[in-house]
Each structure stands twice: as structure tokens, then as C-alpha cells.
Amino acid sequence: MRYLPTLILLISFVFFPSVSEPAHHSIATTIDRFVSTLYPKGSRYFWVINNTSTQSQEEIIIDINASLRNLPDKTLTESRFLLLVVEGELMATQKIPLDANVDCSSEEEEA
């Protein structure tokens, strides 16, 4: 009986995970799905988040660099994108220059 509260707590963590945890995983999955569509299947690529801005709990703007490693000469092909992710789903993308100065903050924050 003295272990019953601990057991109930552990069971609740297993069957009722936190609500915020899936959001972080879905954003990484969403970015990876997007970048994987850019390059041929089986290619070696990686992506890096430069900046993010949260407009609301469901909406985030992400500035990413995506790189493809060309195997024969081992050079990198780089691209840069702004992604709009709403509730874990990719809603819009925009390719931007690599050297662009991007501010992901909203206009309301600047005023």
C-alpha cells in the first residue's frame, strides 16, 4: 500500500504524457520531412536552425540552413529557408539568400 501513490504516478506518466512534448518532436519531424524532399533519396544532408519566432502556441517561424554533402568531391550544397509551421504541420516555405539578414520577430515586438 505504501507504494501505491508512486505506482499511480508512474502509470499516469506512461499513459498520459505531457501535451508539450509532442510539439517539439513534430517540429523536428516536420523540418526533416521538408529537407528530405529537397534532396535525392539516400543522399547525405543535414539542417541547422538559425532562428525561430513563436507567433502563438500553435504557430512558429523557423529560419533554417539545409546542406547536402556531395560525396565524390565532398563539397556542400547549401540552401536557406523560412518555414511557417502551424500545429506541427508545414504551411509555407520561402527560399532566401544564404547571406540574408533575417529577423524572425513579429512587427508588434519591434514597435
C-alpha atoms as a PDB file:
ATOM      1  CA  MET A   1       0.000   0.000   0.000  1.00  0.00           C
ATOM      2  CA  ARG A   2       2.767   2.471   0.669  1.00  0.00           C
ATOM      3  CA  TYR A   3       3.972   2.178  -2.969  1.00  0.00           C
ATOM      4  CA  LEU A   4       0.506   2.710  -4.429  1.00  0.00           C
ATOM      5  CA  PRO A   5       0.806   6.529  -4.913  1.00  0.00           C
ATOM      6  CA  THR A   6       4.189   6.090  -6.613  1.00  0.00           C
ATOM      7  CA  LEU A   7       2.800   3.356  -8.857  1.00  0.00           C
ATOM      8  CA  ILE A   8      -0.188   5.518  -9.837  1.00  0.00           C
ATOM      9  CA  LEU A   9       2.134   8.419 -10.630  1.00  0.00           C
ATOM     10  CA  LEU A  10       4.356   6.263 -12.854  1.00  0.00           C
ATOM     11  CA  ILE A  11       1.355   4.808 -14.677  1.00  0.00           C
ATOM     12  CA  SER A  12      -0.050   8.302 -15.258  1.00  0.00           C
ATOM     13  CA  PHE A  13       3.274   9.411 -16.831  1.00  0.00           C
ATOM     14  CA  VAL A  14       3.174   6.448 -19.193  1.00  0.00           C
ATOM     15  CA  PHE A  15      -0.457   6.712 -20.267  1.00  0.00           C
ATOM     16  CA  PHE A  16      -0.897  10.493 -20.049  1.00  0.00           C
ATOM     17  CA  PRO A  17       2.262  12.119 -21.439  1.00  0.00           C
ATOM     18  CA  SER A  18       2.647  15.877 -21.306  1.00  0.00           C
ATOM     19  CA  VAL A  19       0.955  17.911 -24.008  1.00  0.00           C
ATOM     20  CA  SER A  20       4.035  19.989 -24.879  1.00  0.00           C
ATOM     21  CA  GLU A  21       6.355  17.054 -25.567  1.00  0.00           C
ATOM     22  CA  PRO A  22       4.876  16.011 -28.949  1.00  0.00           C
ATOM     23  CA  ALA A  23       5.069  19.592 -30.254  1.00  0.00           C
ATOM     24  CA  HIS A  24       8.863  19.601 -30.069  1.00  0.00           C
ATOM     25  CA  HIS A  25       9.147  16.242 -31.782  1.00  0.00           C
ATOM     26  CA  SER A  26       6.681  17.198 -34.501  1.00  0.00           C
ATOM     27  CA  ILE A  27       8.605  20.366 -35.388  1.00  0.00           C
ATOM     28  CA  ALA A  28      11.849  18.424 -35.857  1.00  0.00           C
ATOM     29  CA  THR A  29       9.982  15.784 -37.857  1.00  0.00           C
ATOM     30  CA  THR A  30       8.311  18.468 -39.978  1.00  0.00           C
ATOM     31  CA  ILE A  31      11.654  20.127 -40.755  1.00  0.00           C
ATOM     32  CA  ASP A  32      13.281  16.788 -41.570  1.00  0.00           C
ATOM     33  CA  ARG A  33      10.402  15.806 -43.887  1.00  0.00           C
ATOM     34  CA  PHE A  34      10.724  19.129 -45.722  1.00  0.00           C
ATOM     35  CA  VAL A  35      14.507  18.898 -46.117  1.00  0.00           C
ATOM     36  CA  SER A  36      14.316  15.255 -47.236  1.00  0.00           C
ATOM     37  CA  THR A  37      12.064  16.301 -50.136  1.00  0.00           C
ATOM     38  CA  LEU A  38      14.725  18.752 -51.347  1.00  0.00           C
ATOM     39  CA  TYR A  39      17.415  16.162 -51.990  1.00  0.00           C
ATOM     40  CA  PRO A  40      17.523  12.762 -53.738  1.00  0.00           C
ATOM     41  CA  LYS A  41      16.678   9.689 -51.675  1.00  0.00           C
ATOM     42  CA  GLY A  42      19.727   8.237 -49.965  1.00  0.00           C
ATOM     43  CA  SER A  43      21.691  11.490 -50.044  1.00  0.00           C
ATOM     44  CA  ARG A  44      23.558  12.801 -47.013  1.00  0.00           C
ATOM     45  CA  TYR A  45      22.070  16.028 -45.749  1.00  0.00           C
ATOM     46  CA  PHE A  46      21.703  17.956 -42.530  1.00  0.00           C
ATOM     47  CA  TRP A  47      19.871  21.058 -41.390  1.00  0.00           C
ATOM     48  CA  VAL A  48      20.505  23.714 -38.763  1.00  0.00           C
ATOM     49  CA  ILE A  49      18.024  26.096 -37.152  1.00  0.00           C
ATOM     50  CA  ASN A  50      19.342  29.677 -37.289  1.00  0.00           C
ATOM     51  CA  ASN A  51      16.471  31.459 -35.570  1.00  0.00           C
ATOM     52  CA  THR A  52      12.853  30.952 -34.525  1.00  0.00           C
ATOM     53  CA  SER A  53       9.914  33.129 -33.620  1.00  0.00           C
ATOM     54  CA  THR A  54       6.728  32.000 -31.930  1.00  0.00           C
ATOM     55  CA  GLN A  55       3.659  33.921 -33.031  1.00  0.00           C
ATOM     56  CA  SER A  56       1.330  31.846 -30.826  1.00  0.00           C
ATOM     57  CA  GLN A  57       1.421  28.446 -29.137  1.00  0.00           C
ATOM     58  CA  GLU A  58       0.455  26.783 -32.422  1.00  0.00           C
ATOM     59  CA  GLU A  59       2.461  28.925 -34.900  1.00  0.00           C
ATOM     60  CA  ILE A  60       6.238  29.187 -35.301  1.00  0.00           C
ATOM     61  CA  ILE A  61       8.508  30.725 -37.945  1.00  0.00           C
ATOM     62  CA  ILE A  62      11.819  28.914 -38.401  1.00  0.00           C
ATOM     63  CA  ASP A  63      14.933  30.109 -40.257  1.00  0.00           C
ATOM     64  CA  ILE A  64      16.965  27.042 -41.338  1.00  0.00           C
ATOM     65  CA  ASN A  65      20.073  26.199 -43.349  1.00  0.00           C
ATOM     66  CA  ALA A  66      19.948  22.908 -45.229  1.00  0.00           C
ATOM     67  CA  SER A  67      23.137  21.334 -46.577  1.00  0.00           C
ATOM     68  CA  LEU A  68      23.760  18.438 -48.958  1.00  0.00           C
ATOM     69  CA  ARG A  69      27.128  16.693 -48.907  1.00  0.00           C
ATOM     70  CA  ASN A  70      28.216  15.768 -52.431  1.00  0.00           C
ATOM     71  CA  LEU A  71      30.138  12.527 -51.970  1.00  0.00           C
ATOM     72  CA  PRO A  72      32.642  12.429 -54.858  1.00  0.00           C
ATOM     73  CA  ASP A  73      34.204  15.837 -54.182  1.00  0.00           C
ATOM     74  CA  LYS A  74      32.861  16.234 -50.605  1.00  0.00           C
ATOM     75  CA  THR A  75      31.622  19.781 -51.172  1.00  0.00           C
ATOM     76  CA  LEU A  76      28.463  21.180 -49.591  1.00  0.00           C
ATOM     77  CA  THR A  77      25.439  22.495 -51.444  1.00  0.00           C
ATOM     78  CA  GLU A  78      23.732  24.918 -49.075  1.00  0.00           C
ATOM     79  CA  SER A  79      20.248  26.434 -49.089  1.00  0.00           C
ATOM     80  CA  ARG A  80      18.382  28.646 -46.635  1.00  0.00           C
ATOM     81  CA  PHE A  81      14.651  28.703 -45.956  1.00  0.00           C
ATOM     82  CA  LEU A  82      11.997  30.325 -43.809  1.00  0.00           C
ATOM     83  CA  LEU A  83       9.355  27.821 -42.705  1.00  0.00           C
ATOM     84  CA  LEU A  84       5.932  28.513 -41.246  1.00  0.00           C
ATOM     85  CA  VAL A  85       4.826  25.628 -39.022  1.00  0.00           C
ATOM     86  CA  VAL A  86       1.298  25.651 -37.596  1.00  0.00           C
ATOM     87  CA  GLU A  87       0.283  22.918 -35.138  1.00  0.00           C
ATOM     88  CA  GLY A  88       3.195  20.751 -36.275  1.00  0.00           C
ATOM     89  CA  GLU A  89       2.278  20.998 -39.971  1.00  0.00           C
ATOM     90  CA  LEU A  90       4.338  22.841 -42.575  1.00  0.00           C
ATOM     91  CA  MET A  91       2.119  25.581 -44.014  1.00  0.00           C
ATOM     92  CA  ALA A  92       4.551  27.672 -46.080  1.00  0.00           C
ATOM     93  CA  THR A  93       8.194  27.849 -47.146  1.00  0.00           C
ATOM     94  CA  GLN A  94      10.305  30.557 -48.693  1.00  0.00           C
ATOM     95  CA  LYS A  95      13.824  30.149 -50.077  1.00  0.00           C
ATOM     96  CA  ILE A  96      16.024  33.077 -49.090  1.00  0.00           C
ATOM     97  CA  PRO A  97      19.629  34.039 -49.912  1.00  0.00           C
ATOM     98  CA  LEU A  98      22.312  32.460 -47.726  1.00  0.00           C
ATOM     99  CA  ASP A  99      23.664  35.838 -46.636  1.00  0.00           C
ATOM    100  CA  ALA A 100      20.240  37.438 -45.976  1.00  0.00           C
ATOM    101  CA  ASN A 101      19.745  39.319 -42.722  1.00  0.00           C
ATOM    102  CA  VAL A 102      16.513  37.816 -41.384  1.00  0.00           C
ATOM    103  CA  ASP A 103      14.635  38.944 -38.294  1.00  0.00           C
ATOM    104  CA  CYS A 104      12.030  36.378 -37.239  1.00  0.00           C
ATOM    105  CA  SER A 105      10.458  38.670 -34.641  1.00  0.00           C
ATOM    106  CA  SER A 106       6.958  39.974 -35.248  1.00  0.00           C
ATOM    107  CA  GLU A 107       6.258  43.578 -36.182  1.00  0.00           C
ATOM    108  CA  GLU A 108       4.438  44.066 -32.859  1.00  0.00           C
ATOM    109  CA  GLU A 109       7.636  43.234 -30.939  1.00  0.00           C
ATOM    110  CA  GLU A 110       9.608  45.871 -32.877  1.00  0.00           C
ATOM    111  CA  ALA A 111       7.169  48.702 -32.156  1.00  0.00           C
END
